[in-house]
Amino acid sequence: MPPAKLSFVDFEASSLDLDSWPVEAAILDTGGQGDAFLIRRHPSWSMGAWDRRSANIHGIALADLQEKGEDWEAGLARLEAKAQGHPVFSDAAEFDQHWLDRLAAAAGRAAPFRIRDWHEALPSGLKPRVWRAIRAEAGMLAPRAHRAAADTKFMLEVWRLAWEVVA
């Protein structure tokens, strides 16, 4: 039986370095309700952590962050409102927690939730070939694009398909 309501979160970042910072966030719940937005660079976040290779992968330009990005407090509030106190999962929990913590610190407060590894939300005991089939089908339904909203949709589809298999 699938867990009660939960959400998936994903961040895109300036790089994969320790001093990297979030450039985009998305959160999507199991009911299909979500939110995604760009994040404006905080003045304390080092431009030395801006990696052109990362920018080429996610396709987000610095100019877009300045023009269309949310500030840190508004972005954090949007994530918190969508999480609504239920568990939040990610397929890269350690990285995404780092970027949530950076966003929260810029807003002057603690992260409003902890990001858990998505394997905790998935059924156990499925054979590797079943997981490969699930991931392939999820990839067709919600292709990964190294953008936060697309990646949360992929996670949701994997979750949904996996629980359908065990139902």
C-alpha atoms as a PDB file:
ATOM      1  CA  MET A   1       0.000   0.000   0.000  1.00  0.00           C
ATOM      2  CA  PRO A   2       1.465   3.376  -0.955  1.00  0.00           C
ATOM      3  CA  PRO A   3       2.265   5.853   1.792  1.00  0.00           C
ATOM      4  CA  ALA A   4      -0.174   8.641   2.575  1.00  0.00           C
ATOM      5  CA  LYS A   5       0.219  11.944   0.766  1.00  0.00           C
ATOM      6  CA  LEU A   6       3.802  12.906   0.068  1.00  0.00           C
ATOM      7  CA  SER A   7       5.787  15.159  -2.249  1.00  0.00           C
ATOM      8  CA  PHE A   8       8.811  14.957  -4.479  1.00  0.00           C
ATOM      9  CA  VAL A   9      11.262  17.848  -4.681  1.00  0.00           C
ATOM     10  CA  ASP A  10      14.097  18.653  -7.039  1.00  0.00           C
ATOM     11  CA  PHE A  11      16.613  21.467  -7.353  1.00  0.00           C
ATOM     12  CA  GLU A  12      18.838  22.548 -10.199  1.00  0.00           C
ATOM     13  CA  ALA A  13      22.019  24.236  -9.053  1.00  0.00           C
ATOM     14  CA  SER A  14      24.860  26.500 -10.054  1.00  0.00           C
ATOM     15  CA  SER A  15      27.273  23.538  -9.915  1.00  0.00           C
ATOM     16  CA  LEU A  16      27.923  20.385  -7.936  1.00  0.00           C
ATOM     17  CA  ASP A  17      30.598  22.063  -5.785  1.00  0.00           C
ATOM     18  CA  LEU A  18      30.165  22.403  -2.020  1.00  0.00           C
ATOM     19  CA  ASP A  19      29.580  26.144  -2.327  1.00  0.00           C
ATOM     20  CA  SER A  20      26.976  25.719  -5.093  1.00  0.00           C
ATOM     21  CA  TRP A  21      23.595  27.347  -4.778  1.00  0.00           C
ATOM     22  CA  PRO A  22      20.057  26.609  -6.006  1.00  0.00           C
ATOM     23  CA  VAL A  23      18.896  28.113  -9.290  1.00  0.00           C
ATOM     24  CA  GLU A  24      15.547  26.327  -9.675  1.00  0.00           C
ATOM     25  CA  ALA A  25      13.204  24.350  -7.431  1.00  0.00           C
ATOM     26  CA  ALA A  26      10.107  22.231  -7.986  1.00  0.00           C
ATOM     27  CA  ILE A  27       7.846  20.308  -5.670  1.00  0.00           C
ATOM     28  CA  LEU A  28       5.063  17.955  -6.748  1.00  0.00           C
ATOM     29  CA  ASP A  29       2.679  15.972  -4.549  1.00  0.00           C
ATOM     30  CA  THR A  30       1.141  12.584  -5.246  1.00  0.00           C
ATOM     31  CA  GLY A  31      -2.125  14.292  -6.154  1.00  0.00           C
ATOM     32  CA  GLY A  32      -0.371  16.037  -9.044  1.00  0.00           C
ATOM     33  CA  GLN A  33      -0.322  19.496  -7.443  1.00  0.00           C
ATOM     34  CA  GLY A  34       3.009  21.230  -7.775  1.00  0.00           C
ATOM     35  CA  ASP A  35       5.018  24.378  -8.072  1.00  0.00           C
ATOM     36  CA  ALA A  36       8.260  25.268  -9.875  1.00  0.00           C
ATOM     37  CA  PHE A  37      10.271  28.476  -9.987  1.00  0.00           C
ATOM     38  CA  LEU A  38      13.662  30.006 -10.653  1.00  0.00           C
ATOM     39  CA  ILE A  39      15.684  31.337  -7.717  1.00  0.00           C
ATOM     40  CA  ARG A  40      17.524  34.669  -7.805  1.00  0.00           C
ATOM     41  CA  ARG A  41      21.158  34.529  -6.648  1.00  0.00           C
ATOM     42  CA  HIS A  42      21.664  35.725  -3.097  1.00  0.00           C
ATOM     43  CA  PRO A  43      24.499  38.284  -2.807  1.00  0.00           C
ATOM     44  CA  SER A  44      26.397  35.967  -0.439  1.00  0.00           C
ATOM     45  CA  TRP A  45      26.429  33.110  -2.960  1.00  0.00           C
ATOM     46  CA  SER A  46      29.760  32.977  -4.750  1.00  0.00           C
ATOM     47  CA  MET A  47      29.869  33.473  -8.495  1.00  0.00           C
ATOM     48  CA  GLY A  48      32.877  31.143  -8.316  1.00  0.00           C
ATOM     49  CA  ALA A  49      30.302  28.365  -7.863  1.00  0.00           C
ATOM     50  CA  TRP A  50      28.648  29.174 -11.209  1.00  0.00           C
ATOM     51  CA  ASP A  51      29.679  26.390 -13.585  1.00  0.00           C
ATOM     52  CA  ARG A  52      29.006  26.883 -17.293  1.00  0.00           C
ATOM     53  CA  ARG A  53      28.851  23.105 -17.759  1.00  0.00           C
ATOM     54  CA  SER A  54      25.993  22.907 -15.239  1.00  0.00           C
ATOM     55  CA  ALA A  55      24.294  25.853 -16.927  1.00  0.00           C
ATOM     56  CA  ASN A  56      24.589  24.082 -20.280  1.00  0.00           C
ATOM     57  CA  ILE A  57      22.954  20.978 -18.786  1.00  0.00           C
ATOM     58  CA  HIS A  58      19.966  22.710 -17.165  1.00  0.00           C
ATOM     59  CA  GLY A  59      19.789  25.556 -19.672  1.00  0.00           C
ATOM     60  CA  ILE A  60      19.180  28.276 -17.087  1.00  0.00           C
ATOM     61  CA  ALA A  61      20.957  31.581 -17.717  1.00  0.00           C
ATOM     62  CA  LEU A  62      22.118  33.967 -15.012  1.00  0.00           C
ATOM     63  CA  ALA A  63      20.075  36.733 -16.639  1.00  0.00           C
ATOM     64  CA  ASP A  64      16.920  34.603 -16.262  1.00  0.00           C
ATOM     65  CA  LEU A  65      17.602  34.179 -12.556  1.00  0.00           C
ATOM     66  CA  GLN A  66      17.922  37.927 -12.061  1.00  0.00           C
ATOM     67  CA  GLU A  67      14.880  38.779 -14.179  1.00  0.00           C
ATOM     68  CA  LYS A  68      12.474  35.946 -13.326  1.00  0.00           C
ATOM     69  CA  GLY A  69      13.866  34.396 -10.143  1.00  0.00           C
ATOM     70  CA  GLU A  70      12.130  34.386  -6.787  1.00  0.00           C
ATOM     71  CA  ASP A  71      13.944  35.785  -3.802  1.00  0.00           C
ATOM     72  CA  TRP A  72      14.959  33.374  -1.051  1.00  0.00           C
ATOM     73  CA  GLU A  73      12.143  34.045   1.392  1.00  0.00           C
ATOM     74  CA  ALA A  74       9.421  33.781  -1.256  1.00  0.00           C
ATOM     75  CA  GLY A  75      10.946  30.634  -2.746  1.00  0.00           C
ATOM     76  CA  LEU A  76      11.245  28.964   0.636  1.00  0.00           C
ATOM     77  CA  ALA A  77       7.657  29.925   1.489  1.00  0.00           C
ATOM     78  CA  ARG A  78       6.419  28.418  -1.788  1.00  0.00           C
ATOM     79  CA  LEU A  79       8.139  25.107  -1.056  1.00  0.00           C
ATOM     80  CA  GLU A  80       6.883  25.045   2.515  1.00  0.00           C
ATOM     81  CA  ALA A  81       3.295  25.785   1.433  1.00  0.00           C
ATOM     82  CA  LYS A  82       3.299  22.940  -1.081  1.00  0.00           C
ATOM     83  CA  ALA A  83       4.897  20.451   1.322  1.00  0.00           C
ATOM     84  CA  GLN A  84       2.056  21.132   3.802  1.00  0.00           C
ATOM     85  CA  GLY A  85       3.805  19.181   6.535  1.00  0.00           C
ATOM     86  CA  HIS A  86       3.809  15.824   4.751  1.00  0.00           C
ATOM     87  CA  PRO A  87       7.000  13.873   3.893  1.00  0.00           C
ATOM     88  CA  VAL A  88       9.184  15.164   1.063  1.00  0.00           C
ATOM     89  CA  PHE A  89      11.393  12.854  -1.011  1.00  0.00           C
ATOM     90  CA  SER A  90      14.061  13.194  -3.671  1.00  0.00           C
ATOM     91  CA  ASP A  91      16.117  10.876  -5.842  1.00  0.00           C
ATOM     92  CA  ALA A  92      19.155  12.971  -4.850  1.00  0.00           C
ATOM     93  CA  ALA A  93      18.225  13.748  -1.257  1.00  0.00           C
ATOM     94  CA  GLU A  94      21.685  14.713  -0.022  1.00  0.00           C
ATOM     95  CA  PHE A  95      22.245  17.226  -2.829  1.00  0.00           C
ATOM     96  CA  ASP A  96      18.710  18.611  -2.696  1.00  0.00           C
ATOM     97  CA  GLN A  97      18.891  18.993   1.090  1.00  0.00           C
ATOM     98  CA  HIS A  98      22.103  20.971   0.650  1.00  0.00           C
ATOM     99  CA  TRP A  99      20.374  23.373  -1.730  1.00  0.00           C
ATOM    100  CA  LEU A 100      17.256  23.629   0.442  1.00  0.00           C
ATOM    101  CA  ASP A 101      19.515  24.463   3.380  1.00  0.00           C
ATOM    102  CA  ARG A 102      21.315  27.129   1.319  1.00  0.00           C
ATOM    103  CA  LEU A 103      17.964  28.645   0.324  1.00  0.00           C
ATOM    104  CA  ALA A 104      16.758  28.605   3.946  1.00  0.00           C
ATOM    105  CA  ALA A 105      19.986  30.155   5.248  1.00  0.00           C
ATOM    106  CA  ALA A 106      19.651  32.970   2.691  1.00  0.00           C
ATOM    107  CA  ALA A 107      16.111  33.541   4.008  1.00  0.00           C
ATOM    108  CA  GLY A 108      17.499  33.676   7.553  1.00  0.00           C
ATOM    109  CA  ARG A 109      15.839  30.546   8.896  1.00  0.00           C
ATOM    110  CA  ALA A 110      16.039  26.781   9.093  1.00  0.00           C
ATOM    111  CA  ALA A 111      14.798  24.522   6.322  1.00  0.00           C
ATOM    112  CA  PRO A 112      11.057  23.899   6.796  1.00  0.00           C
ATOM    113  CA  PHE A 113      11.392  20.144   6.146  1.00  0.00           C
ATOM    114  CA  ARG A 114      13.943  17.365   5.737  1.00  0.00           C
ATOM    115  CA  ILE A 115      14.284  15.720   2.358  1.00  0.00           C
ATOM    116  CA  ARG A 116      14.220  11.943   2.510  1.00  0.00           C
ATOM    117  CA  ASP A 117      15.624   9.428   0.038  1.00  0.00           C
ATOM    118  CA  TRP A 118      12.882   8.468  -2.407  1.00  0.00           C
ATOM    119  CA  HIS A 119      13.587   4.763  -1.977  1.00  0.00           C
ATOM    120  CA  GLU A 120      11.809   5.078   1.382  1.00  0.00           C
ATOM    121  CA  ALA A 121       8.593   5.960  -0.500  1.00  0.00           C
ATOM    122  CA  LEU A 122       8.871   3.153  -3.051  1.00  0.00           C
ATOM    123  CA  PRO A 123       7.735  -0.438  -2.556  1.00  0.00           C
ATOM    124  CA  SER A 124      10.468  -2.927  -1.798  1.00  0.00           C
ATOM    125  CA  GLY A 125      11.045  -6.383  -3.203  1.00  0.00           C
ATOM    126  CA  LEU A 126      10.593  -5.670  -6.899  1.00  0.00           C
ATOM    127  CA  LYS A 127      13.056  -7.415  -9.184  1.00  0.00           C
ATOM    128  CA  PRO A 128      15.671  -5.334 -11.062  1.00  0.00           C
ATOM    129  CA  ARG A 129      14.022  -6.060 -14.433  1.00  0.00           C
ATOM    130  CA  VAL A 130      10.712  -4.711 -13.073  1.00  0.00           C
ATOM    131  CA  TRP A 131      12.466  -1.533 -11.877  1.00  0.00           C
ATOM    132  CA  ARG A 132      14.076  -1.110 -15.309  1.00  0.00           C
ATOM    133  CA  ALA A 133      10.665  -1.435 -16.968  1.00  0.00           C
ATOM    134  CA  ILE A 134       9.106   1.022 -14.525  1.00  0.00           C
ATOM    135  CA  ARG A 135      11.866   3.580 -15.061  1.00  0.00           C
ATOM    136  CA  ALA A 136      11.628   3.170 -18.850  1.00  0.00           C
ATOM    137  CA  GLU A 137       7.866   3.700 -18.843  1.00  0.00           C
ATOM    138  CA  ALA A 138       8.168   6.646 -16.456  1.00  0.00           C
ATOM    139  CA  GLY A 139      10.785   8.128 -18.782  1.00  0.00           C
ATOM    140  CA  MET A 140       8.332   7.980 -21.671  1.00  0.00           C
ATOM    141  CA  LEU A 141       5.502   9.503 -19.615  1.00  0.00           C
ATOM    142  CA  ALA A 142       7.664  12.174 -17.992  1.00  0.00           C
ATOM    143  CA  PRO A 143      11.036  12.568 -19.704  1.00  0.00           C
ATOM    144  CA  ARG A 144      13.853  13.801 -17.499  1.00  0.00           C
ATOM    145  CA  ALA A 145      15.204  17.086 -18.752  1.00  0.00           C
ATOM    146  CA  HIS A 146      17.558  18.312 -16.012  1.00  0.00           C
ATOM    147  CA  ARG A 147      14.876  20.776 -15.047  1.00  0.00           C
ATOM    148  CA  ALA A 148      13.293  20.644 -11.618  1.00  0.00           C
ATOM    149  CA  ALA A 149       9.641  20.294 -12.698  1.00  0.00           C
ATOM    150  CA  ALA A 150      10.405  17.549 -15.228  1.00  0.00           C
ATOM    151  CA  ASP A 151      12.457  15.634 -12.683  1.00  0.00           C
ATOM    152  CA  THR A 152       9.699  15.749 -10.052  1.00  0.00           C
ATOM    153  CA  LYS A 153       7.214  14.478 -12.656  1.00  0.00           C
ATOM    154  CA  PHE A 154       9.555  11.583 -13.423  1.00  0.00           C
ATOM    155  CA  MET A 155       9.811  10.706  -9.713  1.00  0.00           C
ATOM    156  CA  LEU A 156       6.035  10.834  -9.367  1.00  0.00           C
ATOM    157  CA  GLU A 157       5.577   8.516 -12.353  1.00  0.00           C
ATOM    158  CA  VAL A 158       8.105   5.999 -10.992  1.00  0.00           C
ATOM    159  CA  TRP A 159       6.306   6.082  -7.626  1.00  0.00           C
ATOM    160  CA  ARG A 160       2.866   5.685  -9.237  1.00  0.00           C
ATOM    161  CA  LEU A 161       3.916   2.850 -11.570  1.00  0.00           C
ATOM    162  CA  ALA A 162       5.789   0.984  -8.837  1.00  0.00           C
ATOM    163  CA  TRP A 163       2.783   1.027  -6.526  1.00  0.00           C
ATOM    164  CA  GLU A 164       0.530  -0.113  -9.390  1.00  0.00           C
ATOM    165  CA  VAL A 165       2.761  -3.179  -9.846  1.00  0.00           C
ATOM    166  CA  VAL A 166       2.397  -4.235  -6.206  1.00  0.00           C
ATOM    167  CA  ALA A 167      -1.325  -3.412  -5.970  1.00  0.00           C
END
